[in-house]
C-alpha atoms as a PDB file:
ATOM      1  CA  MET A   1      -5.198   1.428   0.775  1.00  0.00           C
ATOM      2  CA  GLY A   2      -6.329  -1.180  -1.751  1.00  0.00           C
ATOM      3  CA  GLY A   3      -6.760  -4.918  -1.396  1.00  0.00           C
ATOM      4  CA  PRO A   4      -6.230  -8.434  -2.749  1.00  0.00           C
ATOM      5  CA  LYS A   5      -7.917 -10.251  -5.636  1.00  0.00           C
ATOM      6  CA  ARG A   6     -11.494  -9.520  -6.665  1.00  0.00           C
ATOM      7  CA  ALA A   7     -14.319 -11.256  -4.843  1.00  0.00           C
ATOM      8  CA  ASP A   8     -17.109 -13.018  -6.774  1.00  0.00           C
ATOM      9  CA  SER A   9     -19.766 -12.853  -4.057  1.00  0.00           C
ATOM     10  CA  ALA A  10     -20.920 -10.451  -1.371  1.00  0.00           C
ATOM     11  CA  GLY A  11     -19.652 -12.733   1.400  1.00  0.00           C
ATOM     12  CA  ALA A  12     -16.254 -13.129  -0.194  1.00  0.00           C
ATOM     13  CA  GLY A  13     -16.144  -9.385  -0.772  1.00  0.00           C
ATOM     14  CA  VAL A  14     -16.569  -8.703   2.943  1.00  0.00           C
ATOM     15  CA  ARG A  15     -13.872 -11.248   3.758  1.00  0.00           C
ATOM     16  CA  LEU A  16     -11.422  -9.769   1.259  1.00  0.00           C
ATOM     17  CA  SER A  17     -12.125  -6.245   2.481  1.00  0.00           C
ATOM     18  CA  THR A  18     -11.358  -7.379   6.022  1.00  0.00           C
ATOM     19  CA  GLU A  19      -8.147  -9.040   4.859  1.00  0.00           C
ATOM     20  CA  ALA A  20      -7.115  -5.888   2.995  1.00  0.00           C
ATOM     21  CA  ALA A  21      -7.761  -3.736   6.051  1.00  0.00           C
ATOM     22  CA  GLU A  22      -5.648  -6.044   8.201  1.00  0.00           C
ATOM     23  CA  LEU A  23      -2.858  -6.212   5.623  1.00  0.00           C
ATOM     24  CA  TRP A  24      -2.509  -2.457   5.136  1.00  0.00           C
ATOM     25  CA  GLY A  25      -2.591  -1.828   8.875  1.00  0.00           C
ATOM     26  CA  SER A  26       0.092  -4.413   9.603  1.00  0.00           C
ATOM     27  CA  ALA A  27       3.320  -2.461   8.997  1.00  0.00           C
ATOM     28  CA  GLU A  28       4.993   0.832   9.822  1.00  0.00           C
ATOM     29  CA  TYR A  29       3.530   2.568   6.769  1.00  0.00           C
ATOM     30  CA  GLU A  30       4.137   6.023   8.237  1.00  0.00           C
ATOM     31  CA  ARG A  31       7.824   5.553   7.388  1.00  0.00           C
ATOM     32  CA  ILE A  32       6.964   5.182   3.702  1.00  0.00           C
ATOM     33  CA  ALA A  33       4.584   8.127   3.843  1.00  0.00           C
ATOM     34  CA  GLU A  34       7.441  10.288   5.105  1.00  0.00           C
ATOM     35  CA  ARG A  35       9.599   9.272   2.132  1.00  0.00           C
ATOM     36  CA  PHE A  36       6.785  10.130  -0.274  1.00  0.00           C
ATOM     37  CA  ALA A  37       6.706  13.738   0.977  1.00  0.00           C
ATOM     38  CA  PRO A  38       8.064  15.327  -2.248  1.00  0.00           C
ATOM     39  CA  ILE A  39       5.445  13.457  -4.280  1.00  0.00           C
ATOM     40  CA  HIS A  40       2.674  14.490  -1.891  1.00  0.00           C
ATOM     41  CA  ASP A  41       3.856  18.100  -2.126  1.00  0.00           C
ATOM     42  CA  GLU A  42       3.860  18.083  -5.920  1.00  0.00           C
ATOM     43  CA  VAL A  43       0.435  16.500  -6.335  1.00  0.00           C
ATOM     44  CA  VAL A  44      -1.202  18.878  -3.877  1.00  0.00           C
ATOM     45  CA  SER A  45       0.510  22.029  -5.147  1.00  0.00           C
ATOM     46  CA  ARG A  46      -0.440  21.308  -8.757  1.00  0.00           C
ATOM     47  CA  LEU A  47      -4.082  20.830  -7.815  1.00  0.00           C
ATOM     48  CA  GLU A  48      -4.149  24.157  -5.940  1.00  0.00           C
ATOM     49  CA  PRO A  49      -6.137  23.663  -2.736  1.00  0.00           C
ATOM     50  CA  ALA A  50      -8.051  26.745  -1.604  1.00  0.00           C
ATOM     51  CA  PRO A  51     -10.994  27.722   0.584  1.00  0.00           C
ATOM     52  CA  GLY A  52     -14.253  26.507  -0.910  1.00  0.00           C
ATOM     53  CA  VAL A  53     -12.649  23.568  -2.736  1.00  0.00           C
ATOM     54  CA  ARG A  54     -14.179  20.181  -1.886  1.00  0.00           C
ATOM     55  CA  TRP A  55     -11.375  17.597  -1.965  1.00  0.00           C
ATOM     56  CA  LEU A  56     -11.456  13.796  -1.659  1.00  0.00           C
ATOM     57  CA  ASP A  57      -8.311  11.732  -1.088  1.00  0.00           C
ATOM     58  CA  VAL A  58      -9.021   8.066  -1.828  1.00  0.00           C
ATOM     59  CA  ALA A  59      -6.936   5.311  -0.205  1.00  0.00           C
ATOM     60  CA  THR A  60      -5.494   8.110   1.897  1.00  0.00           C
ATOM     61  CA  GLY A  61      -3.230   5.911   4.006  1.00  0.00           C
ATOM     62  CA  THR A  62      -1.984   7.965   6.936  1.00  0.00           C
ATOM     63  CA  GLY A  63      -3.482  11.103   5.413  1.00  0.00           C
ATOM     64  CA  GLU A  64      -0.512  13.054   4.125  1.00  0.00           C
ATOM     65  CA  VAL A  65      -2.147  14.298   0.905  1.00  0.00           C
ATOM     66  CA  ALA A  66      -5.408  15.089   2.689  1.00  0.00           C
ATOM     67  CA  LEU A  67      -3.624  17.020   5.422  1.00  0.00           C
ATOM     68  CA  ARG A  68      -1.629  19.054   2.914  1.00  0.00           C
ATOM     69  CA  ALA A  69      -4.780  19.943   0.990  1.00  0.00           C
ATOM     70  CA  ALA A  70      -6.484  20.983   4.229  1.00  0.00           C
ATOM     71  CA  ARG A  71      -3.539  23.200   5.145  1.00  0.00           C
ATOM     72  CA  GLY A  72      -4.113  24.894   1.785  1.00  0.00           C
ATOM     73  CA  GLY A  73      -7.651  25.714   2.874  1.00  0.00           C
ATOM     74  CA  ALA A  74      -9.615  22.997   1.066  1.00  0.00           C
ATOM     75  CA  ASP A  75     -12.503  21.173   2.722  1.00  0.00           C
ATOM     76  CA  VAL A  76     -11.127  17.627   2.694  1.00  0.00           C
ATOM     77  CA  VAL A  77     -12.296  14.055   3.192  1.00  0.00           C
ATOM     78  CA  GLY A  78      -9.779  11.212   3.333  1.00  0.00           C
ATOM     79  CA  ILE A  79     -11.004   7.617   3.017  1.00  0.00           C
ATOM     80  CA  ASP A  80      -9.118   4.333   3.440  1.00  0.00           C
ATOM     81  CA  ILE A  81     -10.023   0.681   3.876  1.00  0.00           C
ATOM     82  CA  ALA A  82      -7.685   0.177   6.856  1.00  0.00           C
ATOM     83  CA  PRO A  83      -8.928   1.448  10.236  1.00  0.00           C
ATOM     84  CA  ALA A  84      -5.355   1.541  11.554  1.00  0.00           C
ATOM     85  CA  MET A  85      -4.403   3.952   8.779  1.00  0.00           C
ATOM     86  CA  ILE A  86      -7.397   6.163   9.488  1.00  0.00           C
ATOM     87  CA  GLU A  87      -6.563   6.241  13.199  1.00  0.00           C
ATOM     88  CA  ALA A  88      -3.014   7.385  12.379  1.00  0.00           C
ATOM     89  CA  ALA A  89      -4.340  10.075  10.035  1.00  0.00           C
ATOM     90  CA  GLN A  90      -6.963  11.268  12.510  1.00  0.00           C
ATOM     91  CA  ALA A  91      -4.304  11.783  15.185  1.00  0.00           C
ATOM     92  CA  LYS A  92      -2.701  14.484  13.006  1.00  0.00           C
ATOM     93  CA  VAL A  93      -5.812  16.537  12.205  1.00  0.00           C
ATOM     94  CA  GLY A  94      -5.546  19.265  14.858  1.00  0.00           C
ATOM     95  CA  GLY A  95      -7.921  22.019  13.803  1.00  0.00           C
ATOM     96  CA  LEU A  96      -7.640  21.423  10.063  1.00  0.00           C
ATOM     97  CA  PRO A  97     -10.757  21.207   7.841  1.00  0.00           C
ATOM     98  CA  VAL A  98     -10.356  17.483   7.150  1.00  0.00           C
ATOM     99  CA  LYS A  99     -12.388  14.400   8.007  1.00  0.00           C
ATOM    100  CA  PHE A 100     -11.125  10.814   7.803  1.00  0.00           C
ATOM    101  CA  GLU A 101     -13.391   7.834   7.191  1.00  0.00           C
ATOM    102  CA  VAL A 102     -13.079   4.073   6.694  1.00  0.00           C
ATOM    103  CA  GLY A 103     -14.383   2.943   3.314  1.00  0.00           C
ATOM    104  CA  ASP A 104     -13.726   1.086   0.055  1.00  0.00           C
ATOM    105  CA  ALA A 105     -12.406   2.813  -3.093  1.00  0.00           C
ATOM    106  CA  GLN A 106     -14.556   0.466  -5.180  1.00  0.00           C
ATOM    107  CA  LYS A 107     -17.787   1.726  -3.627  1.00  0.00           C
ATOM    108  CA  LEU A 108     -17.379   5.256  -2.328  1.00  0.00           C
ATOM    109  CA  PRO A 109     -20.122   6.445   0.058  1.00  0.00           C
ATOM    110  CA  TYR A 110     -20.576   9.856  -1.582  1.00  0.00           C
ATOM    111  CA  GLU A 111     -23.065  11.437  -3.953  1.00  0.00           C
ATOM    112  CA  ASP A 112     -22.328  11.970  -7.637  1.00  0.00           C
ATOM    113  CA  ALA A 113     -20.166  15.017  -8.443  1.00  0.00           C
ATOM    114  CA  SER A 114     -19.506  15.734  -4.760  1.00  0.00           C
ATOM    115  CA  PHE A 115     -15.874  16.854  -5.049  1.00  0.00           C
ATOM    116  CA  ASP A 116     -13.947  19.484  -6.986  1.00  0.00           C
ATOM    117  CA  VAL A 117     -10.708  17.510  -6.640  1.00  0.00           C
ATOM    118  CA  VAL A 118     -10.129  13.762  -6.270  1.00  0.00           C
ATOM    119  CA  THR A 119      -6.660  12.377  -5.488  1.00  0.00           C
ATOM    120  CA  SER A 120      -4.918   9.101  -4.706  1.00  0.00           C
ATOM    121  CA  VAL A 121      -1.163   8.655  -4.262  1.00  0.00           C
ATOM    122  CA  PHE A 122      -0.170   5.004  -4.739  1.00  0.00           C
ATOM    123  CA  GLY A 123      -3.520   4.030  -3.284  1.00  0.00           C
ATOM    124  CA  VAL A 124      -6.418   3.084  -5.560  1.00  0.00           C
ATOM    125  CA  ILE A 125      -4.104   0.941  -7.689  1.00  0.00           C
ATOM    126  CA  PHE A 126      -4.329  -1.736  -4.986  1.00  0.00           C
ATOM    127  CA  ALA A 127      -8.117  -2.030  -5.102  1.00  0.00           C
ATOM    128  CA  PRO A 128      -8.838  -5.297  -6.939  1.00  0.00           C
ATOM    129  CA  ASP A 129     -11.634  -4.120  -9.272  1.00  0.00           C
ATOM    130  CA  HIS A 130      -9.938  -1.517 -11.433  1.00  0.00           C
ATOM    131  CA  ARG A 131     -12.989  -0.601 -13.490  1.00  0.00           C
ATOM    132  CA  ALA A 132     -15.228  -0.188 -10.475  1.00  0.00           C
ATOM    133  CA  THR A 133     -12.580   1.975  -8.807  1.00  0.00           C
ATOM    134  CA  ALA A 134     -12.027   4.129 -11.887  1.00  0.00           C
ATOM    135  CA  GLY A 135     -15.781   4.484 -12.272  1.00  0.00           C
ATOM    136  CA  GLU A 136     -16.059   5.743  -8.711  1.00  0.00           C
ATOM    137  CA  LEU A 137     -13.281   8.316  -9.262  1.00  0.00           C
ATOM    138  CA  GLY A 138     -15.248   9.656 -12.189  1.00  0.00           C
ATOM    139  CA  ARG A 139     -18.626   9.461 -10.480  1.00  0.00           C
ATOM    140  CA  VAL A 140     -17.792  11.475  -7.361  1.00  0.00           C
ATOM    141  CA  GLY A 141     -15.505  13.989  -9.102  1.00  0.00           C
ATOM    142  CA  ARG A 142     -16.725  17.136 -10.839  1.00  0.00           C
ATOM    143  CA  GLY A 143     -13.403  18.896 -11.460  1.00  0.00           C
ATOM    144  CA  ARG A 144      -9.775  17.783 -11.302  1.00  0.00           C
ATOM    145  CA  LEU A 145      -8.079  14.442 -10.703  1.00  0.00           C
ATOM    146  CA  GLY A 146      -4.571  13.660  -9.414  1.00  0.00           C
ATOM    147  CA  LEU A 147      -3.097  10.148  -9.163  1.00  0.00           C
ATOM    148  CA  THR A 148       0.268   8.464  -8.878  1.00  0.00           C
ATOM    149  CA  THR A 149       0.680   4.861 -10.036  1.00  0.00           C
ATOM    150  CA  TRP A 150       3.633   2.484  -9.990  1.00  0.00           C
ATOM    151  CA  ARG A 151       5.113   1.415 -13.308  1.00  0.00           C
ATOM    152  CA  PRO A 152       6.321  -2.187 -13.743  1.00  0.00           C
ATOM    153  CA  ASN A 153       9.843  -2.816 -12.423  1.00  0.00           C
ATOM    154  CA  PRO A 154      11.548  -5.454 -14.633  1.00  0.00           C
ATOM    155  CA  GLY A 155      14.689  -5.716 -12.494  1.00  0.00           C
ATOM    156  CA  LEU A 156      12.792  -6.310  -9.285  1.00  0.00           C
ATOM    157  CA  GLY A 157      10.433  -8.658 -11.090  1.00  0.00           C
ATOM    158  CA  GLU A 158      13.380 -10.770 -12.199  1.00  0.00           C
ATOM    159  CA  LEU A 159      14.630 -10.989  -8.609  1.00  0.00           C
ATOM    160  CA  PHE A 160      11.260 -12.317  -7.462  1.00  0.00           C
ATOM    161  CA  ARG A 161      11.106 -14.831 -10.332  1.00  0.00           C
ATOM    162  CA  ARG A 162      14.483 -16.245  -9.247  1.00  0.00           C
ATOM    163  CA  PHE A 163      12.775 -17.282  -6.027  1.00  0.00           C
ATOM    164  CA  ASP A 164       9.587 -18.397  -7.776  1.00  0.00           C
ATOM    165  CA  LEU A 165       7.732 -15.548  -6.093  1.00  0.00           C
ATOM    166  CA  ASP A 166       5.102 -13.204  -7.433  1.00  0.00           C
ATOM    167  CA  LEU A 167       5.392  -9.545  -6.553  1.00  0.00           C
ATOM    168  CA  PRO A 168       4.001  -9.126  -3.032  1.00  0.00           C
ATOM    169  CA  GLU A 169       1.416  -6.602  -4.275  1.00  0.00           C
ATOM    170  CA  GLY A 170       0.493  -8.934  -7.140  1.00  0.00           C
ATOM    171  CA  ARG A 171       0.841  -7.937 -10.784  1.00  0.00           C
ATOM    172  CA  GLU A 172      -2.511  -6.247 -11.233  1.00  0.00           C
ATOM    173  CA  PRO A 173      -1.669  -2.936  -9.463  1.00  0.00           C
ATOM    174  CA  PHE A 174       1.126  -2.312 -11.955  1.00  0.00           C
ATOM    175  CA  ARG A 175      -1.326  -2.271 -14.850  1.00  0.00           C
ATOM    176  CA  TRP A 176      -2.112   1.260 -13.630  1.00  0.00           C
ATOM    177  CA  GLY A 177       1.453   2.118 -14.682  1.00  0.00           C
ATOM    178  CA  ASP A 178       0.584   1.641 -18.357  1.00  0.00           C
ATOM    179  CA  GLU A 179      -0.524   4.890 -19.986  1.00  0.00           C
ATOM    180  CA  GLU A 180      -2.857   3.202 -22.475  1.00  0.00           C
ATOM    181  CA  TYR A 181      -4.551   1.203 -19.721  1.00  0.00           C
ATOM    182  CA  VAL A 182      -5.073   4.342 -17.631  1.00  0.00           C
ATOM    183  CA  GLN A 183      -6.641   6.054 -20.630  1.00  0.00           C
ATOM    184  CA  GLN A 184      -9.008   3.097 -21.016  1.00  0.00           C
ATOM    185  CA  LEU A 185      -9.993   3.311 -17.354  1.00  0.00           C
ATOM    186  CA  LEU A 186     -10.333   7.058 -16.944  1.00  0.00           C
ATOM    187  CA  GLY A 187     -10.308   8.686 -20.383  1.00  0.00           C
ATOM    188  CA  ASP A 188     -14.086   8.783 -20.775  1.00  0.00           C
ATOM    189  CA  ALA A 189     -14.469  10.778 -17.564  1.00  0.00           C
ATOM    190  CA  TYR A 190     -11.296  12.879 -17.601  1.00  0.00           C
ATOM    191  CA  ASP A 191      -9.064  14.639 -20.106  1.00  0.00           C
ATOM    192  CA  LEU A 192      -5.743  13.222 -18.884  1.00  0.00           C
ATOM    193  CA  THR A 193      -2.153  14.435 -18.787  1.00  0.00           C
ATOM    194  CA  ILE A 194       0.302  11.657 -17.939  1.00  0.00           C
ATOM    195  CA  GLU A 195       3.949  12.146 -16.969  1.00  0.00           C
ATOM    196  CA  ARG A 196       6.691   9.664 -16.110  1.00  0.00           C
ATOM    197  CA  ALA A 197       8.783  10.167 -12.980  1.00  0.00           C
ATOM    198  CA  THR A 198      11.151   8.283 -10.666  1.00  0.00           C
ATOM    199  CA  TRP A 199      11.197   8.018  -6.881  1.00  0.00           C
ATOM    200  CA  THR A 200      14.258   6.605  -5.117  1.00  0.00           C
ATOM    201  CA  ILE A 201      14.595   4.651  -1.899  1.00  0.00           C
ATOM    202  CA  ASP A 202      17.767   6.141  -0.435  1.00  0.00           C
ATOM    203  CA  GLY A 203      19.871   4.460   2.221  1.00  0.00           C
ATOM    204  CA  ALA A 204      23.401   4.056   3.491  1.00  0.00           C
ATOM    205  CA  SER A 205      23.403   0.451   2.249  1.00  0.00           C
ATOM    206  CA  GLY A 206      21.294  -2.234   0.657  1.00  0.00           C
ATOM    207  CA  GLU A 207      20.794  -3.661   4.128  1.00  0.00           C
ATOM    208  CA  GLU A 208      19.296  -0.362   5.303  1.00  0.00           C
ATOM    209  CA  VAL A 209      16.857  -0.379   2.380  1.00  0.00           C
ATOM    210  CA  TRP A 210      15.915  -3.979   3.224  1.00  0.00           C
ATOM    211  CA  GLU A 211      15.226  -3.037   6.827  1.00  0.00           C
ATOM    212  CA  PHE A 212      13.119  -0.057   5.761  1.00  0.00           C
ATOM    213  CA  TRP A 213      11.042  -1.890   3.156  1.00  0.00           C
ATOM    214  CA  SER A 214      10.597  -5.125   5.129  1.00  0.00           C
ATOM    215  CA  GLN A 215       9.196  -3.246   8.124  1.00  0.00           C
ATOM    216  CA  SER A 216       7.159  -0.499   6.459  1.00  0.00           C
ATOM    217  CA  ALA A 217       5.692  -1.969   3.215  1.00  0.00           C
ATOM    218  CA  PRO A 218       2.667  -4.078   4.253  1.00  0.00           C
ATOM    219  CA  PRO A 219       2.543  -6.562   1.303  1.00  0.00           C
ATOM    220  CA  PHE A 220       6.326  -7.087   1.411  1.00  0.00           C
ATOM    221  CA  LYS A 221       6.279  -7.658   5.168  1.00  0.00           C
ATOM    222  CA  ALA A 222       3.411 -10.138   4.856  1.00  0.00           C
ATOM    223  CA  MET A 223       5.220 -12.039   2.091  1.00  0.00           C
ATOM    224  CA  LEU A 224       8.335 -12.401   4.237  1.00  0.00           C
ATOM    225  CA  ALA A 225       6.306 -13.609   7.213  1.00  0.00           C
ATOM    226  CA  ALA A 226       4.925 -16.447   5.089  1.00  0.00           C
ATOM    227  CA  MET A 227       8.388 -17.708   4.053  1.00  0.00           C
ATOM    228  CA  ASP A 228      10.411 -20.270   5.963  1.00  0.00           C
ATOM    229  CA  GLU A 229      13.527 -18.940   7.659  1.00  0.00           C
ATOM    230  CA  ALA A 230      16.098 -20.446   5.299  1.00  0.00           C
ATOM    231  CA  ARG A 231      14.340 -19.164   2.176  1.00  0.00           C
ATOM    232  CA  ARG A 232      13.790 -15.760   3.756  1.00  0.00           C
ATOM    233  CA  ASP A 233      17.499 -15.484   4.597  1.00  0.00           C
ATOM    234  CA  GLU A 234      18.443 -16.384   1.024  1.00  0.00           C
ATOM    235  CA  PHE A 235      15.999 -13.864  -0.395  1.00  0.00           C
ATOM    236  CA  HIS A 236      17.270 -11.256   2.076  1.00  0.00           C
ATOM    237  CA  LEU A 237      20.817 -11.591   0.749  1.00  0.00           C
ATOM    238  CA  ALA A 238      19.654 -11.413  -2.876  1.00  0.00           C
ATOM    239  CA  TYR A 239      17.512  -8.337  -2.195  1.00  0.00           C
ATOM    240  CA  VAL A 240      20.404  -6.532  -0.517  1.00  0.00           C
ATOM    241  CA  GLU A 241      22.622  -7.410  -3.486  1.00  0.00           C
ATOM    242  CA  TYR A 242      19.992  -5.986  -5.854  1.00  0.00           C
ATOM    243  CA  CYS A 243      19.895  -2.735  -3.883  1.00  0.00           C
ATOM    244  CA  GLU A 244      23.687  -2.502  -3.807  1.00  0.00           C
ATOM    245  CA  GLY A 245      23.579  -2.463  -7.602  1.00  0.00           C
ATOM    246  CA  PHE A 246      22.354   1.141  -7.262  1.00  0.00           C
ATOM    247  CA  ARG A 247      25.221   2.337  -5.109  1.00  0.00           C
ATOM    248  CA  THR A 248      26.117   6.018  -5.564  1.00  0.00           C
ATOM    249  CA  GLY A 249      29.063   7.222  -3.512  1.00  0.00           C
ATOM    250  CA  ASN A 250      28.368   6.703   0.169  1.00  0.00           C
ATOM    251  CA  GLY A 251      24.927   5.169  -0.217  1.00  0.00           C
ATOM    252  CA  VAL A 252      22.395   3.510  -2.484  1.00  0.00           C
ATOM    253  CA  ALA A 253      19.485   5.071  -4.383  1.00  0.00           C
ATOM    254  CA  VAL A 254      17.105   2.343  -5.551  1.00  0.00           C
ATOM    255  CA  PRO A 255      14.763   3.681  -8.276  1.00  0.00           C
ATOM    256  CA  ARG A 256      11.015   3.099  -8.542  1.00  0.00           C
ATOM    257  CA  ASP A 257       9.383   4.482 -11.689  1.00  0.00           C
ATOM    258  CA  TYR A 258       5.852   5.846 -11.531  1.00  0.00           C
ATOM    259  CA  LEU A 259       3.258   7.890 -13.406  1.00  0.00           C
ATOM    260  CA  LEU A 260       1.926  11.296 -12.428  1.00  0.00           C
ATOM    261  CA  ILE A 261      -1.625  11.474 -13.759  1.00  0.00           C
ATOM    262  CA  PHE A 262      -3.688  14.659 -13.791  1.00  0.00           C
ATOM    263  CA  GLY A 263      -7.126  15.023 -15.264  1.00  0.00           C
ATOM    264  CA  ASP A 264      -9.843  17.582 -15.948  1.00  0.00           C
ATOM    265  CA  ARG A 265     -13.455  16.377 -15.869  1.00  0.00           C
ATOM    266  CA  ARG A 266     -14.972  16.151 -19.320  1.00  0.00           C
END
């Protein structure tokens, strides 16, 4: 996936890349990938994979978008900074026309205009250098673009501020959820269409959502591990209460707003 704050030197950049790889390989991310299935399906179907289409999925995670595109016949490469993610993706390849590689979204190891389609589902937003990342998406792409990006979540942000915490992902990734900012990053390379959408974390209770997110979301899990037990228990109760505020009948459906971004190369 992405990584922490931007490095100012080559040595620091290597260190931060290593930290990012360890972070994103530290949780049960496959559980989140399973919940994203409808989003993966929509992104891939709208970009129409077919034989002869060269497709790159950046910050591929456990490879769900890449695998779907390959099932559609495209010739696919999936790249991610976390070796553990790539290992999980590689285990699902079978005989599909897809290759998975370890690499950084900010410096993709591919020639200019190498791919007909470039995608990233909640991935490149976590790379620290937004302009470098956006530049790479434009450089290697020669056709269509498909991204999903998280929009800011004021309610969840308020919960974290009550505990004097920053969002575990940091604030920078959510800048990708601003339409004007995305246009600034990508509008020179792509003619963009941007849509707003909502994903929900469904569970029988707020406690079930807590268990799911605290075990499967790498930044959230790392944040909890750094807290002392008493503070973690207090935050746990507050988080469950927040989730229970979205109770619907026999369960809860906690919303997360995002952008669907599609582009055609200029």
